[in-house]
C-alpha atoms as a PDB file:
ATOM      1  CA  MET A   1       3.052 -19.269  16.539  1.00  0.00           C
ATOM      2  CA  THR A   2       4.482 -18.683  13.078  1.00  0.00           C
ATOM      3  CA  THR A   3       4.003 -21.093  10.251  1.00  0.00           C
ATOM      4  CA  LYS A   4       6.996 -21.877   8.091  1.00  0.00           C
ATOM      5  CA  LYS A   5       6.341 -20.982   4.458  1.00  0.00           C
ATOM      6  CA  ARG A   6       6.890 -23.682   1.923  1.00  0.00           C
ATOM      7  CA  ARG A   7       9.596 -22.906  -0.601  1.00  0.00           C
ATOM      8  CA  VAL A   8      10.645 -24.338  -3.921  1.00  0.00           C
ATOM      9  CA  GLN A   9      13.926 -23.840  -5.708  1.00  0.00           C
ATOM     10  CA  VAL A  10      13.722 -22.916  -9.393  1.00  0.00           C
ATOM     11  CA  ASP A  11      16.436 -22.379 -11.982  1.00  0.00           C
ATOM     12  CA  ILE A  12      15.839 -18.936 -13.512  1.00  0.00           C
ATOM     13  CA  GLU A  13      19.206 -18.461 -15.204  1.00  0.00           C
ATOM     14  CA  ASP A  14      17.802 -17.782 -18.680  1.00  0.00           C
ATOM     15  CA  ILE A  15      14.967 -15.511 -17.487  1.00  0.00           C
ATOM     16  CA  GLN A  16      16.597 -13.838 -14.496  1.00  0.00           C
ATOM     17  CA  HIS A  17      17.143 -10.532 -16.308  1.00  0.00           C
ATOM     18  CA  ILE A  18      13.454 -10.385 -17.272  1.00  0.00           C
ATOM     19  CA  LEU A  19      12.279 -11.174 -13.743  1.00  0.00           C
ATOM     20  CA  GLU A  20      14.639  -8.602 -12.246  1.00  0.00           C
ATOM     21  CA  LYS A  21      13.425  -5.922 -14.661  1.00  0.00           C
ATOM     22  CA  LEU A  22       9.765  -6.685 -13.857  1.00  0.00           C
ATOM     23  CA  ALA A  23      10.454  -6.820 -10.127  1.00  0.00           C
ATOM     24  CA  LYS A  24      12.181  -3.457 -10.183  1.00  0.00           C
ATOM     25  CA  ALA A  25       9.409  -1.853 -12.241  1.00  0.00           C
ATOM     26  CA  GLN A  26       6.712  -3.175  -9.889  1.00  0.00           C
ATOM     27  CA  ARG A  27       8.744  -2.582  -6.720  1.00  0.00           C
ATOM     28  CA  ARG A  28       8.808  -6.225  -5.696  1.00  0.00           C
ATOM     29  CA  SER A  29      11.536  -8.562  -4.599  1.00  0.00           C
ATOM     30  CA  LEU A  30      12.661 -11.171  -7.105  1.00  0.00           C
ATOM     31  CA  ALA A  31      10.857 -13.878  -5.114  1.00  0.00           C
ATOM     32  CA  GLY A  32       7.756 -11.702  -4.833  1.00  0.00           C
ATOM     33  CA  GLN A  33       7.726 -11.138  -8.591  1.00  0.00           C
ATOM     34  CA  ALA A  34       8.095 -14.858  -9.270  1.00  0.00           C
ATOM     35  CA  ARG A  35       5.182 -15.602  -6.931  1.00  0.00           C
ATOM     36  CA  HIS A  36       3.084 -12.885  -8.590  1.00  0.00           C
ATOM     37  CA  LEU A  37       3.678 -14.413 -12.034  1.00  0.00           C
ATOM     38  CA  ILE A  38       2.767 -17.889 -10.744  1.00  0.00           C
ATOM     39  CA  ASP A  39      -0.428 -16.476  -9.209  1.00  0.00           C
ATOM     40  CA  GLU A  40      -1.372 -14.801 -12.502  1.00  0.00           C
ATOM     41  CA  ALA A  41      -0.678 -17.963 -14.494  1.00  0.00           C
ATOM     42  CA  LEU A  42      -2.796 -20.136 -12.195  1.00  0.00           C
ATOM     43  CA  GLN A  43      -5.604 -17.603 -12.267  1.00  0.00           C
ATOM     44  CA  SER A  44      -5.583 -17.336 -16.069  1.00  0.00           C
ATOM     45  CA  MET A  45      -5.843 -21.140 -16.228  1.00  0.00           C
ATOM     46  CA  GLY A  46      -8.839 -21.024 -13.898  1.00  0.00           C
ATOM     47  CA  LEU A  47      -7.083 -23.105 -11.261  1.00  0.00           C
ATOM     48  CA  TRP A  48      -6.910 -20.483  -8.524  1.00  0.00           C
ATOM     49  CA  SER A  49      -8.412 -17.156  -7.651  1.00  0.00           C
ATOM     50  CA  MET A  50      -6.247 -14.509  -6.067  1.00  0.00           C
ATOM     51  CA  PRO A  51      -7.955 -12.716  -3.213  1.00  0.00           C
ATOM     52  CA  VAL A  52      -8.639  -9.065  -3.913  1.00  0.00           C
ATOM     53  CA  VAL A  53      -7.226  -6.773  -1.279  1.00  0.00           C
ATOM     54  CA  PRO A  54      -8.335  -3.190  -1.619  1.00  0.00           C
ATOM     55  CA  THR A  55      -5.702  -0.562  -1.014  1.00  0.00           C
ATOM     56  CA  PRO A  56      -6.400   1.829   1.875  1.00  0.00           C
ATOM     57  CA  THR A  57      -7.166   4.657  -0.538  1.00  0.00           C
ATOM     58  CA  GLN A  58      -9.271   2.591  -2.946  1.00  0.00           C
ATOM     59  CA  ASN A  59     -13.000   3.162  -3.106  1.00  0.00           C
ATOM     60  CA  ILE A  60     -15.884   1.036  -4.358  1.00  0.00           C
ATOM     61  CA  ALA A  61     -15.895   2.691  -7.792  1.00  0.00           C
ATOM     62  CA  GLU A  62     -12.189   1.875  -8.297  1.00  0.00           C
ATOM     63  CA  LEU A  63     -12.648  -1.675  -7.011  1.00  0.00           C
ATOM     64  CA  VAL A  64     -15.522  -2.283  -9.437  1.00  0.00           C
ATOM     65  CA  ALA A  65     -13.601  -0.642 -12.301  1.00  0.00           C
ATOM     66  CA  SER A  66     -10.497  -2.765 -11.749  1.00  0.00           C
ATOM     67  CA  ASN A  67     -12.554  -5.974 -11.535  1.00  0.00           C
ATOM     68  CA  PHE A  68     -15.374  -5.061 -13.932  1.00  0.00           C
ATOM     69  CA  ASP A  69     -15.028  -7.969 -16.384  1.00  0.00           C
ATOM     70  CA  LYS A  70     -14.702 -10.494 -13.557  1.00  0.00           C
ATOM     71  CA  LEU A  71     -17.833  -9.125 -11.867  1.00  0.00           C
ATOM     72  CA  VAL A  72     -19.823  -9.096 -15.112  1.00  0.00           C
ATOM     73  CA  ALA A  73     -18.857 -12.700 -15.857  1.00  0.00           C
ATOM     74  CA  ASN A  74     -19.248 -14.155 -12.379  1.00  0.00           C
ATOM     75  CA  THR A  75     -22.147 -12.359 -10.690  1.00  0.00           C
ATOM     76  CA  CYS A  76     -25.811 -12.003 -11.497  1.00  0.00           C
ATOM     77  CA  ILE A  77     -25.494  -8.232 -11.110  1.00  0.00           C
ATOM     78  CA  PRO A  78     -26.651  -6.553 -14.340  1.00  0.00           C
ATOM     79  CA  GLU A  79     -23.829  -4.904 -16.264  1.00  0.00           C
ATOM     80  CA  SER A  80     -25.715  -1.593 -16.221  1.00  0.00           C
ATOM     81  CA  ARG A  81     -25.796  -1.634 -12.408  1.00  0.00           C
ATOM     82  CA  LEU A  82     -22.098  -2.515 -12.209  1.00  0.00           C
ATOM     83  CA  ALA A  83     -21.393   0.373 -14.575  1.00  0.00           C
ATOM     84  CA  ALA A  84     -23.338   2.680 -12.257  1.00  0.00           C
ATOM     85  CA  TYR A  85     -21.270   1.466  -9.276  1.00  0.00           C
ATOM     86  CA  ARG A  86     -18.118   2.024 -11.312  1.00  0.00           C
ATOM     87  CA  ASP A  87     -19.320   5.570 -11.952  1.00  0.00           C
ATOM     88  CA  GLY A  88     -19.882   6.254  -8.250  1.00  0.00           C
ATOM     89  CA  ALA A  89     -23.406   5.040  -7.417  1.00  0.00           C
ATOM     90  CA  LYS A  90     -23.866   3.449  -4.006  1.00  0.00           C
ATOM     91  CA  PRO A  91     -24.108  -0.366  -4.334  1.00  0.00           C
ATOM     92  CA  GLU A  92     -27.046  -2.265  -2.898  1.00  0.00           C
ATOM     93  CA  THR A  93     -26.116  -4.456   0.063  1.00  0.00           C
ATOM     94  CA  ILE A  94     -26.966  -7.688  -1.777  1.00  0.00           C
ATOM     95  CA  ASP A  95     -24.669  -6.636  -4.609  1.00  0.00           C
ATOM     96  CA  LEU A  96     -21.850  -6.003  -2.125  1.00  0.00           C
ATOM     97  CA  VAL A  97     -22.319  -9.558  -0.852  1.00  0.00           C
ATOM     98  CA  ARG A  98     -22.242 -10.909  -4.412  1.00  0.00           C
ATOM     99  CA  MET A  99     -19.118  -8.906  -5.233  1.00  0.00           C
ATOM    100  CA  ALA A 100     -17.375 -10.043  -2.043  1.00  0.00           C
ATOM    101  CA  ARG A 101     -17.898 -13.696  -2.950  1.00  0.00           C
ATOM    102  CA  VAL A 102     -16.566 -13.298  -6.481  1.00  0.00           C
ATOM    103  CA  LEU A 103     -13.605 -11.190  -5.356  1.00  0.00           C
ATOM    104  CA  ASP A 104     -12.854 -13.550  -2.444  1.00  0.00           C
ATOM    105  CA  MET A 105     -13.218 -10.693   0.045  1.00  0.00           C
ATOM    106  CA  ASP A 106     -14.757 -10.521   3.476  1.00  0.00           C
ATOM    107  CA  GLU A 107     -18.302  -9.143   3.140  1.00  0.00           C
ATOM    108  CA  ASP A 108     -17.893  -6.892   6.178  1.00  0.00           C
ATOM    109  CA  ASP A 109     -14.688  -5.415   4.741  1.00  0.00           C
ATOM    110  CA  LEU A 110     -16.467  -4.600   1.489  1.00  0.00           C
ATOM    111  CA  VAL A 111     -19.410  -3.012   3.311  1.00  0.00           C
ATOM    112  CA  GLU A 112     -16.946  -0.943   5.366  1.00  0.00           C
ATOM    113  CA  LEU A 113     -15.162   0.118   2.175  1.00  0.00           C
ATOM    114  CA  CYS A 114     -18.523   1.204   0.789  1.00  0.00           C
ATOM    115  CA  HIS A 115     -19.227   3.329   3.866  1.00  0.00           C
ATOM    116  CA  ARG A 116     -15.745   4.898   3.653  1.00  0.00           C
ATOM    117  CA  SER A 117     -16.212   5.511  -0.072  1.00  0.00           C
ATOM    118  CA  GLN A 118     -19.434   7.441   0.410  1.00  0.00           C
ATOM    119  CA  PRO A 119     -19.268   9.119   3.822  1.00  0.00           C
ATOM    120  CA  ASN A 120     -21.718  11.864   2.890  1.00  0.00           C
ATOM    121  CA  ASP A 121     -24.536   9.492   1.996  1.00  0.00           C
ATOM    122  CA  SER A 122     -27.738  11.181   3.115  1.00  0.00           C
ATOM    123  CA  LYS A 123     -29.180   7.952   4.550  1.00  0.00           C
ATOM    124  CA  ASN A 124     -26.181   7.389   6.794  1.00  0.00           C
ATOM    125  CA  ASP A 125     -25.360  10.969   7.702  1.00  0.00           C
ATOM    126  CA  ARG A 126     -28.747  12.563   8.141  1.00  0.00           C
ATOM    127  CA  LYS A 127     -29.516  13.529  11.716  1.00  0.00           C
ATOM    128  CA  LYS A 128     -33.024  12.879  12.854  1.00  0.00           C
ATOM    129  CA  GLU A 129     -35.004  16.004  12.292  1.00  0.00           C
ATOM    130  CA  VAL A 130     -37.114  17.236  15.154  1.00  0.00           C
ATOM    131  CA  GLN A 131     -40.729  17.439  14.123  1.00  0.00           C
ATOM    132  CA  THR A 132     -42.317  20.608  15.420  1.00  0.00           C
ATOM    133  CA  ASN A 133     -45.818  20.306  13.903  1.00  0.00           C
ATOM    134  CA  GLY A 134     -45.692  23.957  12.990  1.00  0.00           C
ATOM    135  CA  THR A 135     -44.887  25.188  16.483  1.00  0.00           C
ATOM    136  CA  ALA A 136     -41.666  26.878  17.373  1.00  0.00           C
END
């Protein structure tokens, strides 16, 4: 079952050329650009928080870098640790949970992104070594 989206009609006659230029530059439709600007305005006023949706090629370091100030201001994660994550360090699980809440993301999605970002992590990839006790 599809839900009908609510619409509003707005007169943009005097700003249409600006919106069209922005929409073209950001590869959005005119309506999509208008919605994006409304989202940004509401967020800057502190009235709404846009959910963060990582791109398929984004990794944890890029996600932290693009949201660094927001994470510093709204989590209890020390700035030095966030800087380390931004530089490629593997985040602690509790910090992933904290970041997910601030970025309005699903915790499991963020954990999965972390695993995809660092597939060669020795903890996750190491095969159990067979202990031989010195015998061959």
